[in-house]
Amino acid sequence: MRKEFEKNRLDLAYQKQLHYLNGVIAIATIGILSFLGTFIWNKDYLLTGFIIVILLMIISYYLHKKIDKNLKEISNQIRDL
């Protein structure tokens, strides 16, 4: 009975991390495309736009990496049960 509760708790934590991952991917994609579109349209701020896009990509990469690590840890814990 204890293992079932632990497995359910880990399943919920896994689903939570998946929601975070989907959010990061969506925000990164939409953010990058919108910034690129806006700053390509307005050539005066092209360099600023590319800097912001690069920062968005770096932040998204690290968040993705952290969430992916959490997902692997939860998956390993579920397997060990």
C-alpha atoms as a PDB file:
ATOM      1  CA  MET A   1       0.000   0.000   0.000  1.00  0.00           C
ATOM      2  CA  ARG A   2       2.853   2.365   0.821  1.00  0.00           C
ATOM      3  CA  LYS A   3       4.444   1.726  -2.582  1.00  0.00           C
ATOM      4  CA  GLU A   4       1.213   2.615  -4.348  1.00  0.00           C
ATOM      5  CA  PHE A   5       1.041   5.981  -2.601  1.00  0.00           C
ATOM      6  CA  GLU A   6       4.685   6.663  -3.392  1.00  0.00           C
ATOM      7  CA  LYS A   7       4.184   5.692  -7.031  1.00  0.00           C
ATOM      8  CA  ASN A   8       1.121   7.939  -7.302  1.00  0.00           C
ATOM      9  CA  ARG A   9       3.046  10.808  -5.750  1.00  0.00           C
ATOM     10  CA  LEU A  10       5.907  10.305  -8.207  1.00  0.00           C
ATOM     11  CA  ASP A  11       3.460  10.079 -11.119  1.00  0.00           C
ATOM     12  CA  LEU A  12       1.964  13.414 -10.110  1.00  0.00           C
ATOM     13  CA  ALA A  13       5.424  14.960  -9.801  1.00  0.00           C
ATOM     14  CA  TYR A  14       6.298  13.601 -13.253  1.00  0.00           C
ATOM     15  CA  GLN A  15       3.133  15.114 -14.755  1.00  0.00           C
ATOM     16  CA  LYS A  16       3.920  18.445 -13.081  1.00  0.00           C
ATOM     17  CA  GLN A  17       7.396  18.469 -14.614  1.00  0.00           C
ATOM     18  CA  LEU A  18       5.908  17.618 -18.022  1.00  0.00           C
ATOM     19  CA  HIS A  19       3.609  20.634 -17.743  1.00  0.00           C
ATOM     20  CA  TYR A  20       6.599  22.810 -16.884  1.00  0.00           C
ATOM     21  CA  LEU A  21       8.490  21.425 -19.875  1.00  0.00           C
ATOM     22  CA  ASN A  22       5.586  22.124 -22.229  1.00  0.00           C
ATOM     23  CA  GLY A  23       5.353  25.663 -20.886  1.00  0.00           C
ATOM     24  CA  VAL A  24       9.057  26.316 -21.364  1.00  0.00           C
ATOM     25  CA  ILE A  25       8.981  24.991 -24.914  1.00  0.00           C
ATOM     26  CA  ALA A  26       5.871  27.013 -25.792  1.00  0.00           C
ATOM     27  CA  ILE A  27       7.148  30.253 -24.276  1.00  0.00           C
ATOM     28  CA  ALA A  28      10.565  29.816 -25.869  1.00  0.00           C
ATOM     29  CA  THR A  29       9.124  29.139 -29.316  1.00  0.00           C
ATOM     30  CA  ILE A  30       6.533  31.892 -29.213  1.00  0.00           C
ATOM     31  CA  GLY A  31       8.961  34.358 -27.645  1.00  0.00           C
ATOM     32  CA  ILE A  32      11.734  33.727 -30.104  1.00  0.00           C
ATOM     33  CA  LEU A  33       9.452  33.903 -33.133  1.00  0.00           C
ATOM     34  CA  SER A  34       7.728  37.056 -31.956  1.00  0.00           C
ATOM     35  CA  PHE A  35      10.975  38.850 -31.139  1.00  0.00           C
ATOM     36  CA  LEU A  36      12.529  37.836 -34.443  1.00  0.00           C
ATOM     37  CA  GLY A  37       9.476  38.946 -36.376  1.00  0.00           C
ATOM     38  CA  THR A  38       9.250  42.264 -34.601  1.00  0.00           C
ATOM     39  CA  PHE A  39      12.899  43.168 -34.853  1.00  0.00           C
ATOM     40  CA  ILE A  40      13.284  42.044 -38.449  1.00  0.00           C
ATOM     41  CA  TRP A  41      10.305  44.259 -39.268  1.00  0.00           C
ATOM     42  CA  ASN A  42      11.925  47.235 -37.503  1.00  0.00           C
ATOM     43  CA  LYS A  43      15.517  47.250 -38.736  1.00  0.00           C
ATOM     44  CA  ASP A  44      16.600  49.974 -36.284  1.00  0.00           C
ATOM     45  CA  TYR A  45      16.554  47.542 -33.354  1.00  0.00           C
ATOM     46  CA  LEU A  46      17.868  44.451 -35.135  1.00  0.00           C
ATOM     47  CA  LEU A  47      20.945  44.039 -32.893  1.00  0.00           C
ATOM     48  CA  THR A  48      18.867  44.476 -29.734  1.00  0.00           C
ATOM     49  CA  GLY A  49      16.404  41.911 -31.033  1.00  0.00           C
ATOM     50  CA  PHE A  50      19.098  39.340 -31.678  1.00  0.00           C
ATOM     51  CA  ILE A  51      20.558  39.866 -28.216  1.00  0.00           C
ATOM     52  CA  ILE A  52      17.134  39.327 -26.634  1.00  0.00           C
ATOM     53  CA  VAL A  53      16.556  36.216 -28.773  1.00  0.00           C
ATOM     54  CA  ILE A  54      19.946  34.795 -27.768  1.00  0.00           C
ATOM     55  CA  LEU A  55      19.144  35.426 -24.091  1.00  0.00           C
ATOM     56  CA  LEU A  56      15.752  33.738 -24.496  1.00  0.00           C
ATOM     57  CA  MET A  57      17.423  30.740 -26.120  1.00  0.00           C
ATOM     58  CA  ILE A  58      20.009  30.440 -23.342  1.00  0.00           C
ATOM     59  CA  ILE A  59      17.412  30.715 -20.566  1.00  0.00           C
ATOM     60  CA  SER A  60      15.131  28.232 -22.328  1.00  0.00           C
ATOM     61  CA  TYR A  61      17.988  25.796 -22.813  1.00  0.00           C
ATOM     62  CA  TYR A  62      18.930  25.807 -19.133  1.00  0.00           C
ATOM     63  CA  LEU A  63      15.327  25.497 -17.986  1.00  0.00           C
ATOM     64  CA  HIS A  64      14.794  22.629 -20.421  1.00  0.00           C
ATOM     65  CA  LYS A  65      17.940  20.927 -19.206  1.00  0.00           C
ATOM     66  CA  LYS A  66      16.926  21.290 -15.535  1.00  0.00           C
ATOM     67  CA  ILE A  67      13.399  19.977 -16.116  1.00  0.00           C
ATOM     68  CA  ASP A  68      14.697  17.092 -18.215  1.00  0.00           C
ATOM     69  CA  LYS A  69      17.068  16.146 -15.394  1.00  0.00           C
ATOM     70  CA  ASN A  70      14.154  16.193 -12.930  1.00  0.00           C
ATOM     71  CA  LEU A  71      12.093  13.984 -15.251  1.00  0.00           C
ATOM     72  CA  LYS A  72      14.900  11.439 -15.487  1.00  0.00           C
ATOM     73  CA  GLU A  73      15.310  11.367 -11.698  1.00  0.00           C
ATOM     74  CA  ILE A  74      11.578  10.828 -11.149  1.00  0.00           C
ATOM     75  CA  SER A  75      11.529   8.137 -13.821  1.00  0.00           C
ATOM     76  CA  ASN A  76      14.414   6.340 -12.128  1.00  0.00           C
ATOM     77  CA  GLN A  77      12.654   6.552  -8.757  1.00  0.00           C
ATOM     78  CA  ILE A  78       9.494   5.060 -10.242  1.00  0.00           C
ATOM     79  CA  ARG A  79      11.516   2.263 -11.818  1.00  0.00           C
ATOM     80  CA  ASP A  80      13.199   1.497  -8.491  1.00  0.00           C
ATOM     81  CA  LEU A  81       9.821   1.006  -6.814  1.00  0.00           C
END
